[in-house]
Amino acid sequence: MNRTLVYDRQTMSGLALIRMVRREKYDLVIDLFGNPRTALVTRLSGARDRVGYRFRGRSYAYTMVVTPRGGEVHNSQFNLDAIEHIGVPIVDRELRFFRGKDDEAYVQQFLQARILTGRCSLV
């Protein structure tokens, strides 16, 4: 069974999140944030396999440690590094942004309001 848990910081404590994750008995937890709190949740998850980034003082939480490239690549590529580390082949790393006419109109209005027309364009 695959499941995504949604954590609402406004209504749940960190302890409640840890309990919720442990209750699900995941085989694999991937920590894409890598902050001290998510590292702790990952460590206490009870998952056999725990993937996370080699950030100072957090490697203890993971069974598979990924070297971070945060300052070198877009966050989407950074996250794909963790997925690739567990053996999932990455077929396409290209970023695509899909936009409609409403989006283009919004951007043009935004640029015009800031007197940026003529110097910028949508590609």
N, C-alpha and C. Protein backbone atom coordinates (compact mmCIF):
# COMPACT_ATOMS: atom_id res chain seq x y z
N MET A 1 0.84 -1.17 0.00
CA MET A 1 0.00 0.00 0.00
C MET A 1 0.89 1.24 0.00
N ASN A 2 0.58 2.21 -0.83
CA ASN A 2 1.27 3.49 -0.88
C ASN A 2 0.36 4.55 -0.29
N ARG A 3 0.94 5.43 0.46
CA ARG A 3 0.13 6.47 1.08
C ARG A 3 1.00 7.71 1.27
N THR A 4 0.38 8.86 1.12
CA THR A 4 1.03 10.14 1.40
C THR A 4 0.38 10.73 2.63
N LEU A 5 1.19 11.11 3.58
CA LEU A 5 0.68 11.75 4.78
C LEU A 5 0.82 13.25 4.64
N VAL A 6 -0.19 13.96 5.05
CA VAL A 6 -0.15 15.41 5.02
C VAL A 6 -0.05 15.91 6.45
N TYR A 7 0.98 16.67 6.71
CA TYR A 7 1.22 17.21 8.05
C TYR A 7 0.84 18.67 8.07
N ASP A 8 -0.09 19.04 8.96
CA ASP A 8 -0.51 20.42 9.12
C ASP A 8 0.09 20.93 10.42
N ARG A 9 1.08 21.75 10.32
CA ARG A 9 1.80 22.27 11.48
C ARG A 9 0.88 23.05 12.42
N GLN A 10 -0.20 23.60 11.85
CA GLN A 10 -1.13 24.41 12.65
C GLN A 10 -1.97 23.56 13.60
N THR A 11 -2.27 22.33 13.18
CA THR A 11 -3.20 21.52 13.98
C THR A 11 -2.57 20.27 14.60
N MET A 12 -1.35 19.94 14.21
CA MET A 12 -0.71 18.72 14.71
C MET A 12 0.62 19.03 15.38
N SER A 13 0.91 18.30 16.42
CA SER A 13 2.23 18.42 17.05
C SER A 13 3.21 17.51 16.31
N GLY A 14 4.49 17.75 16.53
CA GLY A 14 5.51 16.88 15.95
C GLY A 14 5.38 15.46 16.47
N LEU A 15 4.99 15.33 17.72
CA LEU A 15 4.80 14.00 18.31
C LEU A 15 3.65 13.27 17.62
N ALA A 16 2.58 14.00 17.29
CA ALA A 16 1.45 13.39 16.59
C ALA A 16 1.88 12.90 15.21
N LEU A 17 2.75 13.66 14.55
CA LEU A 17 3.26 13.24 13.24
C LEU A 17 4.08 11.97 13.37
N ILE A 18 4.95 11.91 14.36
CA ILE A 18 5.78 10.72 14.57
C ILE A 18 4.89 9.50 14.81
N ARG A 19 3.88 9.66 15.63
CA ARG A 19 2.95 8.54 15.90
C ARG A 19 2.24 8.10 14.62
N MET A 20 1.80 9.08 13.83
CA MET A 20 1.07 8.77 12.60
C MET A 20 1.98 7.99 11.64
N VAL A 21 3.23 8.42 11.50
CA VAL A 21 4.16 7.76 10.60
C VAL A 21 4.47 6.34 11.10
N ARG A 22 4.73 6.18 12.38
CA ARG A 22 5.02 4.86 12.94
C ARG A 22 3.84 3.90 12.78
N ARG A 23 2.63 4.43 12.93
CA ARG A 23 1.43 3.60 12.83
C ARG A 23 1.27 3.00 11.43
N GLU A 24 1.74 3.70 10.43
CA GLU A 24 1.61 3.23 9.04
C GLU A 24 2.60 2.12 8.70
N LYS A 25 3.66 1.97 9.49
CA LYS A 25 4.66 0.91 9.29
C LYS A 25 5.25 0.93 7.87
N TYR A 26 5.74 2.08 7.47
CA TYR A 26 6.34 2.22 6.15
C TYR A 26 7.62 1.42 6.05
N ASP A 27 7.90 0.90 4.86
CA ASP A 27 9.18 0.25 4.57
C ASP A 27 10.23 1.29 4.22
N LEU A 28 9.78 2.39 3.61
CA LEU A 28 10.69 3.42 3.10
C LEU A 28 10.14 4.80 3.44
N VAL A 29 11.02 5.65 3.97
CA VAL A 29 10.70 7.06 4.20
C VAL A 29 11.80 7.87 3.53
N ILE A 30 11.40 8.87 2.73
CA ILE A 30 12.36 9.75 2.06
C ILE A 30 12.17 11.14 2.63
N ASP A 31 13.21 11.68 3.24
CA ASP A 31 13.18 13.02 3.81
C ASP A 31 13.74 14.00 2.79
N LEU A 32 12.86 14.71 2.11
CA LEU A 32 13.29 15.67 1.09
C LEU A 32 13.59 17.04 1.68
N PHE A 33 13.23 17.27 2.93
CA PHE A 33 13.49 18.56 3.56
C PHE A 33 14.86 18.59 4.22
N GLY A 34 15.16 17.58 5.00
CA GLY A 34 16.47 17.49 5.63
C GLY A 34 16.70 18.47 6.76
N ASN A 35 15.63 18.97 7.37
CA ASN A 35 15.84 19.84 8.52
C ASN A 35 15.87 18.98 9.79
N PRO A 36 16.28 19.51 10.92
CA PRO A 36 16.38 18.69 12.13
C PRO A 36 15.08 17.98 12.50
N ARG A 37 13.95 18.65 12.33
CA ARG A 37 12.66 18.04 12.69
C ARG A 37 12.32 16.86 11.79
N THR A 38 12.47 17.03 10.47
CA THR A 38 12.12 15.94 9.56
C THR A 38 13.11 14.79 9.68
N ALA A 39 14.36 15.10 10.01
CA ALA A 39 15.34 14.03 10.23
C ALA A 39 14.92 13.19 11.43
N LEU A 40 14.47 13.84 12.49
CA LEU A 40 14.03 13.12 13.68
C LEU A 40 12.79 12.27 13.38
N VAL A 41 11.83 12.84 12.67
CA VAL A 41 10.63 12.07 12.29
C VAL A 41 11.02 10.87 11.46
N THR A 42 11.94 11.07 10.52
CA THR A 42 12.40 9.97 9.67
C THR A 42 13.07 8.88 10.51
N ARG A 43 13.94 9.29 11.42
CA ARG A 43 14.65 8.32 12.28
C ARG A 43 13.68 7.52 13.14
N LEU A 44 12.67 8.18 13.69
CA LEU A 44 11.72 7.53 14.58
C LEU A 44 10.55 6.87 13.85
N SER A 45 10.60 6.90 12.52
CA SER A 45 9.49 6.36 11.72
C SER A 45 9.31 4.86 11.85
N GLY A 46 10.39 4.16 12.17
CA GLY A 46 10.33 2.71 12.22
C GLY A 46 10.56 2.06 10.87
N ALA A 47 10.75 2.88 9.83
CA ALA A 47 10.98 2.35 8.49
C ALA A 47 12.34 1.68 8.41
N ARG A 48 12.41 0.59 7.70
CA ARG A 48 13.66 -0.13 7.49
C ARG A 48 14.63 0.72 6.67
N ASP A 49 14.13 1.35 5.62
CA ASP A 49 14.96 2.18 4.75
C ASP A 49 14.56 3.64 4.92
N ARG A 50 15.57 4.47 5.21
CA ARG A 50 15.33 5.89 5.43
C ARG A 50 16.36 6.68 4.61
N VAL A 51 15.86 7.50 3.70
CA VAL A 51 16.71 8.24 2.78
C VAL A 51 16.70 9.71 3.15
N GLY A 52 17.88 10.31 3.17
CA GLY A 52 17.98 11.74 3.44
C GLY A 52 19.32 12.28 3.01
N TYR A 53 19.48 13.58 3.18
CA TYR A 53 20.68 14.27 2.70
C TYR A 53 21.74 14.40 3.79
N ARG A 54 22.98 14.45 3.36
CA ARG A 54 24.13 14.57 4.26
C ARG A 54 24.26 16.03 4.71
N PHE A 55 23.38 16.43 5.61
CA PHE A 55 23.48 17.74 6.23
C PHE A 55 24.06 17.57 7.62
N ARG A 56 24.78 18.54 8.07
CA ARG A 56 25.47 18.47 9.35
C ARG A 56 24.54 18.01 10.47
N GLY A 57 24.95 16.95 11.14
CA GLY A 57 24.23 16.46 12.30
C GLY A 57 22.95 15.70 12.03
N ARG A 58 22.70 15.34 10.77
CA ARG A 58 21.44 14.66 10.46
C ARG A 58 21.61 13.28 9.86
N SER A 59 22.81 12.90 9.50
CA SER A 59 23.04 11.61 8.86
C SER A 59 22.63 10.45 9.75
N TYR A 60 22.60 10.65 11.06
CA TYR A 60 22.21 9.59 11.99
C TYR A 60 20.81 9.04 11.68
N ALA A 61 19.99 9.87 11.05
CA ALA A 61 18.59 9.53 10.84
C ALA A 61 18.36 8.61 9.65
N TYR A 62 19.36 8.46 8.81
CA TYR A 62 19.14 7.80 7.53
C TYR A 62 19.97 6.52 7.38
N THR A 63 19.40 5.57 6.67
CA THR A 63 20.15 4.37 6.31
C THR A 63 20.80 4.54 4.94
N MET A 64 20.29 5.48 4.15
CA MET A 64 20.87 5.81 2.84
C MET A 64 21.05 7.33 2.80
N VAL A 65 22.29 7.76 2.68
CA VAL A 65 22.61 9.18 2.76
C VAL A 65 23.01 9.69 1.37
N VAL A 66 22.36 10.77 0.95
CA VAL A 66 22.57 11.37 -0.36
C VAL A 66 23.40 12.64 -0.19
N THR A 67 24.40 12.82 -1.04
CA THR A 67 25.19 14.05 -1.03
C THR A 67 24.35 15.17 -1.63
N PRO A 68 24.13 16.25 -0.88
CA PRO A 68 23.26 17.33 -1.38
C PRO A 68 23.94 18.19 -2.45
N ARG A 69 23.13 18.67 -3.39
CA ARG A 69 23.61 19.60 -4.42
C ARG A 69 22.75 20.86 -4.43
N GLY A 70 22.22 21.22 -3.27
CA GLY A 70 21.26 22.31 -3.16
C GLY A 70 21.68 23.63 -3.77
N GLY A 71 22.95 24.00 -3.62
CA GLY A 71 23.41 25.26 -4.19
C GLY A 71 23.78 25.17 -5.65
N GLU A 72 23.73 23.98 -6.20
CA GLU A 72 24.17 23.77 -7.58
C GLU A 72 23.04 23.57 -8.57
N VAL A 73 21.91 23.04 -8.10
CA VAL A 73 20.83 22.68 -9.01
C VAL A 73 19.48 23.17 -8.47
N HIS A 74 18.49 23.20 -9.33
CA HIS A 74 17.12 23.54 -8.93
C HIS A 74 16.62 22.51 -7.94
N ASN A 75 15.74 22.92 -7.06
CA ASN A 75 15.21 22.03 -6.02
C ASN A 75 14.60 20.75 -6.60
N SER A 76 14.00 20.83 -7.77
CA SER A 76 13.41 19.63 -8.37
C SER A 76 14.51 18.60 -8.68
N GLN A 77 15.65 19.06 -9.16
CA GLN A 77 16.76 18.16 -9.45
C GLN A 77 17.36 17.61 -8.16
N PHE A 78 17.42 18.46 -7.15
CA PHE A 78 17.91 18.08 -5.83
C PHE A 78 17.08 16.92 -5.29
N ASN A 79 15.75 17.02 -5.41
CA ASN A 79 14.86 15.96 -4.93
C ASN A 79 14.98 14.69 -5.77
N LEU A 80 15.20 14.84 -7.07
CA LEU A 80 15.38 13.67 -7.91
C LEU A 80 16.63 12.89 -7.52
N ASP A 81 17.63 13.58 -6.97
CA ASP A 81 18.84 12.89 -6.52
C ASP A 81 18.51 11.82 -5.47
N ALA A 82 17.58 12.13 -4.57
CA ALA A 82 17.19 11.16 -3.54
C ALA A 82 16.48 9.97 -4.16
N ILE A 83 15.62 10.23 -5.11
CA ILE A 83 14.88 9.16 -5.78
C ILE A 83 15.85 8.27 -6.56
N GLU A 84 16.77 8.89 -7.25
CA GLU A 84 17.76 8.15 -8.02
C GLU A 84 18.65 7.31 -7.10
N HIS A 85 18.95 7.83 -5.93
CA HIS A 85 19.82 7.14 -4.97
C HIS A 85 19.24 5.79 -4.55
N ILE A 86 17.91 5.65 -4.57
CA ILE A 86 17.31 4.37 -4.18
C ILE A 86 17.08 3.46 -5.38
N GLY A 87 17.59 3.86 -6.53
CA GLY A 87 17.54 2.97 -7.69
C GLY A 87 16.41 3.21 -8.66
N VAL A 88 15.65 4.27 -8.46
CA VAL A 88 14.59 4.59 -9.42
C VAL A 88 15.22 5.36 -10.57
N PRO A 89 15.13 4.84 -11.79
CA PRO A 89 15.76 5.55 -12.92
C PRO A 89 15.02 6.85 -13.23
N ILE A 90 15.78 7.90 -13.43
CA ILE A 90 15.22 9.19 -13.80
C ILE A 90 15.25 9.28 -15.32
N VAL A 91 14.10 9.26 -15.93
CA VAL A 91 14.00 9.23 -17.38
C VAL A 91 14.19 10.62 -17.98
N ASP A 92 13.71 11.65 -17.30
CA ASP A 92 13.75 13.00 -17.84
C ASP A 92 13.93 13.98 -16.69
N ARG A 93 14.98 14.77 -16.74
CA ARG A 93 15.25 15.76 -15.70
C ARG A 93 14.83 17.17 -16.12
N GLU A 94 14.28 17.31 -17.30
CA GLU A 94 13.93 18.64 -17.81
C GLU A 94 12.74 19.22 -17.04
N LEU A 95 12.87 20.49 -16.69
CA LEU A 95 11.78 21.21 -16.03
C LEU A 95 10.85 21.80 -17.07
N ARG A 96 9.57 21.64 -16.86
CA ARG A 96 8.59 22.22 -17.77
C ARG A 96 7.58 23.02 -16.96
N PHE A 97 7.26 24.19 -17.44
CA PHE A 97 6.24 25.02 -16.81
C PHE A 97 5.12 25.21 -17.81
N PHE A 98 3.97 24.72 -17.47
CA PHE A 98 2.82 24.83 -18.35
C PHE A 98 1.99 26.03 -17.93
N ARG A 99 1.62 26.83 -18.91
CA ARG A 99 0.84 28.01 -18.60
C ARG A 99 -0.25 28.20 -19.65
N GLY A 100 -1.30 28.83 -19.22
CA GLY A 100 -2.40 29.12 -20.12
C GLY A 100 -2.50 30.61 -20.40
N LYS A 101 -3.50 30.98 -21.15
CA LYS A 101 -3.69 32.40 -21.50
C LYS A 101 -3.89 33.26 -20.26
N ASP A 102 -4.61 32.76 -19.27
CA ASP A 102 -4.82 33.51 -18.03
C ASP A 102 -3.49 33.81 -17.34
N ASP A 103 -2.59 32.84 -17.36
CA ASP A 103 -1.28 33.03 -16.74
C ASP A 103 -0.49 34.11 -17.48
N GLU A 104 -0.52 34.04 -18.80
CA GLU A 104 0.21 35.04 -19.60
C GLU A 104 -0.35 36.43 -19.37
N ALA A 105 -1.68 36.54 -19.30
CA ALA A 105 -2.30 37.84 -19.06
C ALA A 105 -1.91 38.37 -17.68
N TYR A 106 -1.87 37.51 -16.69
CA TYR A 106 -1.47 37.92 -15.34
C TYR A 106 -0.05 38.45 -15.33
N VAL A 107 0.86 37.75 -15.99
CA VAL A 107 2.25 38.17 -16.01
C VAL A 107 2.39 39.51 -16.73
N GLN A 108 1.70 39.66 -17.85
CA GLN A 108 1.78 40.93 -18.59
C GLN A 108 1.26 42.08 -17.73
N GLN A 109 0.16 41.85 -17.03
CA GLN A 109 -0.40 42.88 -16.14
C GLN A 109 0.59 43.20 -15.01
N PHE A 110 1.19 42.18 -14.47
CA PHE A 110 2.19 42.35 -13.40
C PHE A 110 3.36 43.20 -13.90
N LEU A 111 3.87 42.86 -15.09
CA LEU A 111 5.00 43.60 -15.64
C LEU A 111 4.62 45.04 -15.95
N GLN A 112 3.44 45.25 -16.53
CA GLN A 112 3.00 46.60 -16.86
C GLN A 112 2.83 47.45 -15.60
N ALA A 113 2.33 46.86 -14.54
CA ALA A 113 2.13 47.59 -13.30
C ALA A 113 3.46 48.04 -12.70
N ARG A 114 4.53 47.39 -13.06
CA ARG A 114 5.84 47.73 -12.52
C ARG A 114 6.74 48.38 -13.57
N ILE A 115 6.11 48.81 -14.66
CA ILE A 115 6.80 49.51 -15.75
C ILE A 115 7.99 48.69 -16.27
N LEU A 116 7.77 47.41 -16.46
CA LEU A 116 8.81 46.53 -16.96
C LEU A 116 8.57 46.10 -18.40
N THR A 117 7.49 46.58 -19.00
CA THR A 117 7.19 46.15 -20.37
C THR A 117 8.29 46.66 -21.31
N GLY A 118 8.49 45.89 -22.32
CA GLY A 118 9.52 46.23 -23.31
C GLY A 118 10.89 45.67 -22.93
N ARG A 119 11.11 45.41 -21.64
CA ARG A 119 12.39 44.87 -21.22
C ARG A 119 12.28 43.37 -20.87
N CYS A 120 11.06 42.86 -20.78
CA CYS A 120 10.85 41.47 -20.40
C CYS A 120 9.87 40.83 -21.35
N SER A 121 9.97 39.55 -21.50
CA SER A 121 9.00 38.82 -22.32
C SER A 121 8.84 37.43 -21.78
N LEU A 122 7.70 36.82 -22.09
CA LEU A 122 7.45 35.43 -21.73
C LEU A 122 8.05 34.55 -22.81
N VAL A 123 8.73 33.54 -22.40
CA VAL A 123 9.34 32.60 -23.36
C VAL A 123 8.55 31.34 -23.35
